[in-house]
Amino acid sequence: MLSHATAMPRPLKRLDKLRKVKYGTSDMVVTELCCGSMTWGSFNTEESEAHAQLDCFVKNGVNFIDTAEMYPVAFNYGKTTETWIGNWLEQRVKAGAVKREDLYFATKCNPSGVGGTVGEQENWTGHAFDPERLKASCEASLARLKCGVLDLYMLHYPSRMGGQAFGWANWKLGRYDVSRTSPGDEKEFEAQVLAVKSLFDAQLIRNWGLSNETAYGVTMFSLTCDRLNVPRPVSVQNDFNFNNRTFESNGAEACHALGVVGMPYGALGGGALTGKYLDKKYAGDRPLPLARHNAKPAFQTRYLSPAGQVATAAYVALAEQWGLTPTELALAWCRDRPYNAVVVTGTTTVQQCEETVAAFKLEPLPLELLDAVDAIHEEHRSPDAALYSKELVLGETPPSLRRTHSRRESCAVS
């Protein structure tokens, strides 16, 4: 067993305000805390709840807001979240509470059509980023957000993987065939880059980025942009946290070499890394039955794997040793990764917003604390990320193994 002990933990200092950073190769200067919105419209059922969280973040200096055409998620997909944010912006600008030019808005194209613009067109099926649907989605998002132009527009997940892109730690031939609409060859990358170029030409976007993308995808998009004289993607938004550090295996190197910064989501593992599923004292002001993995246990099951919960307990103990909440440690660690520019948050209450802000006001984590995190990771390496079988990660029996077992039983000699 590896030691997680640290030498003489000391109280960490807190800054008076959130820090701002230059966002990769863009001219954006943003807070390290990026306000995420994925649950507004599903886990948050009232628009006023989303507005209150936006008010809290902006009051604390946050100037970067992330959403997607596909949001909210889990059981109510598409359009609602962008609409709520747009209503908030319109109301606050009219009241003189905020200025549009002081904020940065990011959203993502919904290429599958689930709950989004593409689904309204009968001839647009499957998952793709052709110029027609990309422009239609972008214009629809702008109409809902009422922000005039998008500071950052992302391709939500690669069409060569489709909806099967989530939760895997590796690539495997054949795994993505069920949802693949792109061969992932040079010609396809050229077509998608030219589709993005059309958005620049129409002055709908200022920057573009990728999401749920691999080192191969980041590299191919960047080099294709160079060849076609189109701006490179400035960032990649991938799942990343204590229990899923697979981005570090090769994605981080590709992004570093190509000048693409990280803006990870899932830093709290859908709330699992707050410790509230292990100890109710970390539940905060949201009743535990309403918490994501209790309310919708079939949604994003990767975040609550049995092995992941064992690792989470170790991270919770480490946070307590340093006088931090598990939320603060998880978010500050993710912020301090050198390849990340910002971290996208996920909140459902104002209290959660305040704790999130407190995490980002922490001084950079000291080396001895970072070493202790890495020691836990060496013992529990990305336990939420599946290599062979998501069922096995969740402690279940995968269908293929059940079939194998049945065949063996039928061949048994009595």
Protein backbone atom coordinates (compact mmCIF):
# COMPACT_ATOMS: atom_id res chain seq x y z
CA MET A 1 0.00 0.00 0.00
CA LEU A 2 1.34 3.41 -0.97
CA SER A 3 1.55 6.15 1.62
CA HIS A 4 -0.71 9.16 1.21
CA ALA A 5 0.76 11.00 4.17
CA THR A 6 2.11 14.52 3.75
CA ALA A 7 4.64 16.39 5.81
CA MET A 8 3.12 18.94 8.18
CA PRO A 9 0.02 20.16 6.31
CA ARG A 10 -0.35 23.92 6.63
CA PRO A 11 -3.38 26.18 6.19
CA LEU A 12 -3.59 27.34 2.60
CA LYS A 13 -3.91 31.01 1.82
CA ARG A 14 -6.83 32.40 -0.15
CA LEU A 15 -6.79 35.16 -2.71
CA ASP A 16 -9.09 38.15 -2.47
CA LYS A 17 -10.52 37.55 -5.93
CA LEU A 18 -10.52 35.06 -8.78
CA ARG A 19 -7.52 35.04 -11.07
CA LYS A 20 -7.81 35.66 -14.79
CA VAL A 21 -5.71 34.03 -17.51
CA LYS A 22 -5.17 34.51 -21.22
CA TYR A 23 -7.19 31.82 -22.94
CA GLY A 24 -4.65 29.99 -25.06
CA THR A 25 -3.93 31.64 -28.41
CA SER A 26 -7.16 33.69 -28.32
CA ASP A 27 -7.45 37.29 -27.15
CA MET A 28 -9.86 36.24 -24.40
CA VAL A 29 -8.85 36.94 -20.78
CA VAL A 30 -11.05 34.77 -18.60
CA THR A 31 -11.48 33.66 -15.02
CA GLU A 32 -10.06 30.23 -14.22
CA LEU A 33 -13.55 29.31 -13.08
CA CYS A 34 -15.83 28.82 -16.07
CA CYS A 35 -19.52 28.70 -15.16
CA GLY A 36 -20.99 25.42 -16.42
CA SER A 37 -24.71 24.95 -17.00
CA MET A 38 -25.40 21.35 -17.98
CA THR A 39 -28.05 20.72 -15.29
CA TRP A 40 -30.09 23.90 -15.72
CA GLY A 41 -33.43 22.73 -17.02
CA SER A 42 -33.27 19.14 -15.79
CA PHE A 43 -31.82 18.83 -12.27
CA ASN A 44 -32.71 22.50 -11.80
CA THR A 45 -36.36 22.75 -12.75
CA GLU A 46 -36.90 26.50 -12.33
CA GLU A 47 -35.33 29.18 -14.51
CA SER A 48 -34.93 31.39 -11.44
CA GLU A 49 -32.52 28.81 -9.97
CA ALA A 50 -30.22 29.14 -12.97
CA HIS A 51 -30.44 32.95 -12.86
CA ALA A 52 -29.53 32.97 -9.16
CA GLN A 53 -26.44 30.87 -9.83
CA LEU A 54 -25.40 33.11 -12.72
CA ASP A 55 -25.85 36.15 -10.49
CA CYS A 56 -23.70 34.56 -7.80
CA PHE A 57 -20.88 33.71 -10.18
CA VAL A 58 -20.87 37.13 -11.85
CA LYS A 59 -20.99 38.85 -8.46
CA ASN A 60 -17.82 36.94 -7.60
CA GLY A 61 -16.07 38.05 -10.79
CA VAL A 62 -16.68 35.08 -13.10
CA ASN A 63 -16.71 36.24 -16.74
CA PHE A 64 -16.79 32.94 -18.68
CA ILE A 65 -20.05 30.98 -19.22
CA ASP A 66 -20.20 27.58 -20.90
CA THR A 67 -23.27 25.83 -22.27
CA ALA A 68 -24.35 23.67 -25.20
CA GLU A 69 -27.24 23.30 -27.61
CA MET A 70 -27.71 19.82 -26.16
CA TYR A 71 -28.20 21.06 -22.57
CA PRO A 72 -29.80 20.26 -20.19
CA VAL A 73 -29.04 16.57 -19.91
CA ALA A 74 -30.23 13.34 -18.29
CA PHE A 75 -33.93 13.48 -19.07
CA ASN A 76 -34.65 16.79 -20.79
CA TYR A 77 -32.34 17.44 -23.70
CA GLY A 78 -31.74 20.56 -25.69
CA LYS A 79 -32.40 24.29 -26.05
CA THR A 80 -33.70 25.06 -22.55
CA THR A 81 -30.36 25.93 -20.95
CA GLU A 82 -29.29 28.30 -23.72
CA THR A 83 -32.71 29.95 -23.57
CA TRP A 84 -32.48 30.50 -19.82
CA ILE A 85 -28.98 31.98 -20.12
CA GLY A 86 -30.13 34.24 -22.94
CA ASN A 87 -33.08 35.45 -20.88
CA TRP A 88 -30.75 36.16 -17.97
CA LEU A 89 -28.34 38.11 -20.17
CA GLU A 90 -31.11 40.17 -21.76
CA GLN A 91 -32.64 41.02 -18.39
CA ARG A 92 -29.36 41.87 -16.67
CA VAL A 93 -28.09 44.00 -19.56
CA LYS A 94 -31.38 45.90 -19.67
CA ALA A 95 -31.17 46.50 -15.91
CA GLY A 96 -27.56 47.68 -16.20
CA ALA A 97 -26.32 44.86 -13.97
CA VAL A 98 -23.90 43.41 -16.55
CA LYS A 99 -22.34 44.40 -19.84
CA ARG A 100 -22.21 41.93 -22.71
CA GLU A 101 -18.65 42.99 -23.55
CA ASP A 102 -17.47 42.01 -20.07
CA LEU A 103 -18.53 38.38 -20.51
CA TYR A 104 -17.44 35.46 -22.69
CA PHE A 105 -19.96 32.91 -23.93
CA ALA A 106 -19.13 29.40 -25.11
CA THR A 107 -21.48 26.80 -26.51
CA LYS A 108 -21.30 23.53 -28.42
CA CYS A 109 -22.92 22.24 -31.59
CA ASN A 110 -25.33 19.36 -31.10
CA PRO A 111 -24.49 17.21 -34.11
CA SER A 112 -26.79 14.31 -33.25
CA GLY A 113 -29.96 16.38 -33.30
CA VAL A 114 -31.19 15.14 -29.91
CA GLY A 115 -33.17 18.04 -28.50
CA GLY A 116 -31.51 20.50 -30.84
CA THR A 117 -31.84 22.34 -34.11
CA VAL A 118 -30.64 19.51 -36.31
CA GLY A 119 -33.45 17.25 -35.14
CA GLU A 120 -36.00 19.61 -36.65
CA GLN A 121 -34.77 18.79 -40.15
CA GLU A 122 -36.04 15.43 -41.42
CA ASN A 123 -33.18 15.12 -43.88
CA TRP A 124 -30.55 15.66 -41.17
CA THR A 125 -29.98 12.36 -39.45
CA GLY A 126 -27.06 10.78 -37.68
CA HIS A 127 -24.13 12.70 -36.33
CA ALA A 128 -22.15 15.07 -38.52
CA PHE A 129 -20.63 18.53 -38.82
CA ASP A 130 -21.51 19.49 -42.37
CA PRO A 131 -21.71 23.25 -43.17
CA GLU A 132 -25.52 23.37 -43.33
CA ARG A 133 -26.25 21.84 -39.94
CA LEU A 134 -23.27 23.54 -38.27
CA LYS A 135 -24.47 26.97 -39.39
CA ALA A 136 -28.09 26.21 -38.48
CA SER A 137 -27.08 25.06 -35.01
CA CYS A 138 -24.81 28.06 -34.49
CA GLU A 139 -27.46 30.56 -35.55
CA ALA A 140 -30.06 28.87 -33.36
CA SER A 141 -27.73 28.98 -30.34
CA LEU A 142 -27.05 32.66 -30.96
CA ALA A 143 -30.77 33.39 -31.13
CA ARG A 144 -31.34 31.65 -27.81
CA LEU A 145 -28.29 33.14 -26.04
CA LYS A 146 -28.93 36.66 -27.38
CA CYS A 147 -25.22 37.40 -27.15
CA GLY A 148 -24.63 38.69 -30.69
CA VAL A 149 -21.58 36.55 -31.45
CA LEU A 150 -20.07 33.44 -29.85
CA ASP A 151 -16.72 33.90 -28.18
CA LEU A 152 -16.09 30.15 -28.36
CA TYR A 153 -17.92 27.53 -30.42
CA MET A 154 -17.12 23.85 -29.96
CA LEU A 155 -17.78 20.58 -31.75
CA HIS A 156 -19.44 18.65 -28.94
CA TYR A 157 -17.95 15.22 -29.66
CA PRO A 158 -16.25 13.66 -32.68
CA SER A 159 -18.42 12.27 -35.46
CA ARG A 160 -15.98 9.39 -35.94
CA MET A 161 -17.06 8.15 -32.48
CA GLY A 162 -20.50 9.67 -31.99
CA GLY A 163 -22.26 9.12 -28.70
CA GLN A 164 -19.93 6.21 -27.90
CA ALA A 165 -17.09 8.67 -27.18
CA PHE A 166 -17.86 8.98 -23.47
CA GLY A 167 -16.29 7.01 -20.64
CA TRP A 168 -13.55 5.10 -22.46
CA ALA A 169 -9.88 5.24 -21.53
CA ASN A 170 -8.69 3.87 -24.87
CA TRP A 171 -9.61 3.50 -28.53
CA LYS A 172 -10.63 0.15 -29.94
CA LEU A 173 -11.37 -0.84 -33.52
CA GLY A 174 -15.07 -1.51 -33.97
CA ARG A 175 -16.19 -0.01 -30.67
CA TYR A 176 -17.68 3.11 -32.25
CA ASP A 177 -19.20 1.58 -35.37
CA VAL A 178 -22.77 1.83 -34.07
CA SER A 179 -22.67 5.65 -33.98
CA ARG A 180 -19.87 6.49 -36.43
CA THR A 181 -20.75 8.80 -39.35
CA SER A 182 -17.21 9.91 -40.21
CA PRO A 183 -14.28 7.72 -41.30
CA GLY A 184 -11.87 10.07 -39.54
CA ASP A 185 -9.67 10.40 -42.61
CA GLU A 186 -7.90 13.48 -43.94
CA LYS A 187 -10.73 14.35 -46.33
CA GLU A 188 -13.29 14.33 -43.53
CA PHE A 189 -11.16 16.60 -41.33
CA GLU A 190 -10.82 19.01 -44.23
CA ALA A 191 -14.60 19.09 -44.70
CA GLN A 192 -15.23 19.79 -41.02
CA VAL A 193 -12.56 22.50 -40.85
CA LEU A 194 -14.07 24.21 -43.90
CA ALA A 195 -17.47 24.02 -42.21
CA VAL A 196 -15.99 25.82 -39.20
CA LYS A 197 -14.39 28.35 -41.56
CA SER A 198 -17.84 29.22 -42.87
CA LEU A 199 -18.81 30.32 -39.34
CA PHE A 200 -15.78 32.62 -39.18
CA ASP A 201 -16.62 33.98 -42.63
CA ALA A 202 -20.19 34.69 -41.49
CA GLN A 203 -18.80 36.43 -38.36
CA LEU A 204 -20.84 34.18 -36.09
CA ILE A 205 -17.89 33.06 -33.93
CA ARG A 206 -14.63 34.53 -32.63
CA ASN A 207 -12.88 31.27 -31.67
CA TRP A 208 -13.56 27.59 -31.94
CA GLY A 209 -12.69 24.51 -29.96
CA LEU A 210 -13.17 20.77 -29.51
CA SER A 211 -14.82 18.63 -26.87
CA ASN A 212 -14.46 14.96 -25.89
CA GLU A 213 -11.63 14.78 -28.38
CA THR A 214 -8.50 12.60 -28.57
CA ALA A 215 -4.86 13.43 -29.26
CA TYR A 216 -5.38 12.22 -32.82
CA GLY A 217 -8.35 14.52 -33.33
CA VAL A 218 -6.66 17.58 -31.84
CA THR A 219 -3.61 16.97 -34.00
CA MET A 220 -5.50 16.36 -37.23
CA PHE A 221 -7.76 19.38 -36.75
CA SER A 222 -4.83 21.65 -35.93
CA LEU A 223 -2.66 20.56 -38.86
CA THR A 224 -5.63 20.66 -41.24
CA CYS A 225 -6.35 24.23 -40.10
CA ASP A 226 -2.77 25.19 -40.86
CA ARG A 227 -3.00 23.71 -44.34
CA LEU A 228 -6.32 25.45 -45.10
CA ASN A 229 -5.41 28.77 -43.43
CA VAL A 230 -8.15 28.48 -40.82
CA PRO A 231 -7.59 29.38 -37.13
CA ARG A 232 -6.67 26.37 -35.03
CA PRO A 233 -8.98 25.22 -32.23
CA VAL A 234 -7.98 27.13 -29.12
CA SER A 235 -9.15 24.61 -26.53
CA VAL A 236 -10.46 21.14 -25.81
CA GLN A 237 -13.17 20.38 -23.23
CA ASN A 238 -12.75 16.81 -21.98
CA ASP A 239 -13.82 14.78 -18.97
CA PHE A 240 -11.05 15.03 -16.36
CA ASN A 241 -10.81 14.51 -12.60
CA PHE A 242 -9.05 12.52 -9.88
CA ASN A 243 -10.70 9.30 -11.04
CA ASN A 244 -10.18 9.86 -14.75
CA ARG A 245 -6.75 11.22 -15.67
CA THR A 246 -6.60 9.53 -19.07
CA PHE A 247 -6.16 12.94 -20.78
CA GLU A 248 -2.62 12.94 -19.38
CA SER A 249 -1.62 9.80 -21.29
CA ASN A 250 -1.28 11.52 -24.68
CA GLY A 251 -3.89 14.25 -25.03
CA ALA A 252 -1.99 16.67 -22.81
CA GLU A 253 1.19 16.35 -24.88
CA ALA A 254 -0.63 16.93 -28.17
CA CYS A 255 -2.40 19.98 -26.78
CA HIS A 256 0.82 21.40 -25.34
CA ALA A 257 2.67 21.01 -28.63
CA LEU A 258 -0.16 22.52 -30.66
CA GLY A 259 -1.02 25.40 -28.34
CA VAL A 260 -4.45 24.02 -27.41
CA VAL A 261 -5.49 24.63 -23.79
CA GLY A 262 -7.69 22.44 -21.61
CA MET A 263 -11.07 23.47 -20.19
CA PRO A 264 -12.10 20.21 -18.51
CA TYR A 265 -15.55 19.31 -17.28
CA GLY A 266 -16.44 16.65 -14.71
CA ALA A 267 -13.85 17.86 -12.18
CA LEU A 268 -16.16 16.67 -9.40
CA GLY A 269 -17.24 13.49 -11.16
CA GLY A 270 -20.85 14.59 -11.34
CA GLY A 271 -20.69 15.35 -7.62
CA ALA A 272 -19.16 12.01 -6.61
CA LEU A 273 -15.84 13.63 -5.64
CA THR A 274 -17.55 16.03 -3.23
CA GLY A 275 -17.72 13.06 -0.85
CA LYS A 276 -21.49 13.43 -0.35
CA TYR A 277 -22.23 9.87 -1.50
CA LEU A 278 -19.86 8.63 1.20
CA ASP A 279 -20.75 11.05 4.01
CA LYS A 280 -23.92 13.15 4.09
CA LYS A 281 -22.09 15.97 5.89
CA TYR A 282 -20.82 16.99 2.45
CA ALA A 283 -24.30 17.16 0.92
CA GLY A 284 -24.65 20.90 1.45
CA ASP A 285 -28.06 22.50 0.96
CA ARG A 286 -29.34 20.14 -1.73
CA PRO A 287 -31.20 17.10 -0.34
CA LEU A 288 -29.31 13.90 -1.14
CA PRO A 289 -32.30 12.23 -2.83
CA LEU A 290 -32.11 15.05 -5.42
CA ALA A 291 -28.38 14.64 -5.99
CA ARG A 292 -27.54 13.58 -9.56
CA HIS A 293 -26.54 9.96 -8.98
CA ASN A 294 -29.46 9.34 -6.63
CA ALA A 295 -32.10 11.08 -8.72
CA LYS A 296 -30.96 9.56 -12.02
CA PRO A 297 -28.77 6.52 -11.21
CA ALA A 298 -28.64 5.39 -14.86
CA PHE A 299 -27.11 8.71 -15.99
CA GLN A 300 -23.30 9.00 -16.18
CA THR A 301 -22.83 5.85 -14.15
CA ARG A 302 -19.07 6.00 -14.80
CA TYR A 303 -18.69 8.58 -12.04
CA LEU A 304 -19.87 6.28 -9.27
CA SER A 305 -17.94 3.09 -9.88
CA PRO A 306 -17.12 0.92 -6.84
CA ALA A 307 -13.37 1.28 -7.36
CA GLY A 308 -13.82 5.01 -7.89
CA GLN A 309 -15.58 5.33 -4.55
CA VAL A 310 -12.65 3.64 -2.81
CA ALA A 311 -10.31 6.16 -4.42
CA THR A 312 -12.68 9.01 -3.55
CA ALA A 313 -12.52 8.06 0.13
CA ALA A 314 -8.74 8.47 0.01
CA TYR A 315 -9.04 11.90 -1.63
CA VAL A 316 -11.65 12.95 0.93
CA ALA A 317 -9.33 11.94 3.77
CA LEU A 318 -6.48 13.89 2.16
CA ALA A 319 -8.62 17.00 1.84
CA GLU A 320 -9.64 16.78 5.49
CA GLN A 321 -6.00 16.40 6.49
CA TRP A 322 -5.28 19.75 4.83
CA GLY A 323 -8.34 21.51 6.21
CA LEU A 324 -10.09 21.61 2.84
CA THR A 325 -13.42 20.30 1.65
CA PRO A 326 -13.21 17.49 -0.92
CA THR A 327 -14.77 19.89 -3.43
CA GLU A 328 -12.04 22.46 -2.87
CA LEU A 329 -9.24 19.95 -3.29
CA ALA A 330 -10.69 18.39 -6.45
CA LEU A 331 -11.33 21.73 -8.15
CA ALA A 332 -8.07 23.42 -7.12
CA TRP A 333 -6.04 20.40 -8.24
CA CYS A 334 -7.76 20.38 -11.62
CA ARG A 335 -7.18 24.13 -11.95
CA ASP A 336 -3.47 23.74 -11.22
CA ARG A 337 -2.77 21.20 -13.97
CA PRO A 338 -0.38 23.07 -16.32
CA TYR A 339 -2.28 22.10 -19.46
CA ASN A 340 -5.61 23.53 -18.21
CA ALA A 341 -6.57 27.17 -18.66
CA VAL A 342 -9.97 27.00 -16.96
CA VAL A 343 -12.22 24.44 -15.29
CA VAL A 344 -15.91 24.16 -16.15
CA THR A 345 -18.04 23.84 -13.04
CA GLY A 346 -21.38 22.11 -12.44
CA THR A 347 -23.71 23.51 -9.79
CA THR A 348 -27.37 23.34 -8.83
CA THR A 349 -27.52 25.74 -5.85
CA VAL A 350 -26.08 29.13 -4.90
CA GLN A 351 -24.29 27.51 -1.95
CA GLN A 352 -22.49 25.19 -4.37
CA CYS A 353 -21.50 28.26 -6.41
CA GLU A 354 -20.01 29.90 -3.32
CA GLU A 355 -17.99 26.79 -2.40
CA THR A 356 -16.77 26.55 -5.98
CA VAL A 357 -15.60 30.17 -5.92
CA ALA A 358 -13.80 29.50 -2.63
CA ALA A 359 -11.92 26.61 -4.25
CA PHE A 360 -10.67 28.83 -7.06
CA LYS A 361 -9.48 31.47 -4.59
CA LEU A 362 -7.06 29.00 -3.01
CA GLU A 363 -3.39 29.65 -3.57
CA PRO A 364 -1.65 27.18 -5.91
CA LEU A 365 -1.55 23.83 -4.17
CA PRO A 366 1.87 23.09 -2.58
CA LEU A 367 4.10 20.38 -3.97
CA GLU A 368 3.69 18.08 -0.98
CA LEU A 369 -0.09 18.09 -1.45
CA LEU A 370 0.23 17.45 -5.18
CA ASP A 371 2.58 14.56 -4.40
CA ALA A 372 0.01 13.08 -2.03
CA VAL A 373 -2.65 13.27 -4.75
CA ASP A 374 -0.32 11.48 -7.15
CA ALA A 375 0.40 8.79 -4.57
CA ILE A 376 -3.32 8.03 -4.36
CA HIS A 377 -3.51 8.00 -8.14
CA GLU A 378 -0.69 5.48 -8.42
CA GLU A 379 -2.73 3.17 -6.21
CA HIS A 380 -6.08 3.93 -7.88
CA ARG A 381 -5.36 4.72 -11.52
CA SER A 382 -8.32 6.33 -13.30
CA PRO A 383 -10.80 3.83 -11.82
CA ASP A 384 -13.83 5.42 -13.50
CA ALA A 385 -12.46 5.03 -17.03
CA ALA A 386 -13.25 1.77 -18.85
CA LEU A 387 -10.65 -0.10 -20.89
CA TYR A 388 -12.48 -3.28 -21.78
CA SER A 389 -15.95 -3.14 -20.30
CA LYS A 390 -18.01 -0.41 -18.66
CA GLU A 391 -20.03 -3.14 -16.96
CA LEU A 392 -16.93 -4.49 -15.26
CA VAL A 393 -16.01 -0.99 -14.06
CA LEU A 394 -19.44 -0.78 -12.45
CA GLY A 395 -19.11 -4.22 -10.86
CA GLU A 396 -21.54 -5.82 -13.29
CA THR A 397 -21.20 -8.78 -15.66
CA PRO A 398 -20.87 -7.69 -19.29
CA PRO A 399 -23.18 -9.39 -21.81
CA SER A 400 -20.27 -10.97 -23.69
CA LEU A 401 -19.03 -12.72 -20.56
CA ARG A 402 -22.54 -13.94 -19.77
CA ARG A 403 -22.78 -15.44 -23.24
CA THR A 404 -19.35 -17.05 -22.86
CA HIS A 405 -20.38 -18.52 -19.52
CA SER A 406 -23.55 -19.94 -21.05
CA ARG A 407 -21.65 -21.53 -23.93
CA ARG A 408 -19.24 -23.19 -21.53
CA GLU A 409 -22.06 -24.50 -19.44
CA SER A 410 -23.77 -25.96 -22.52
CA CYS A 411 -20.55 -27.71 -23.52
CA ALA A 412 -19.89 -29.19 -20.12
CA VAL A 413 -19.42 -32.94 -19.97
CA SER A 414 -21.54 -34.64 -17.32
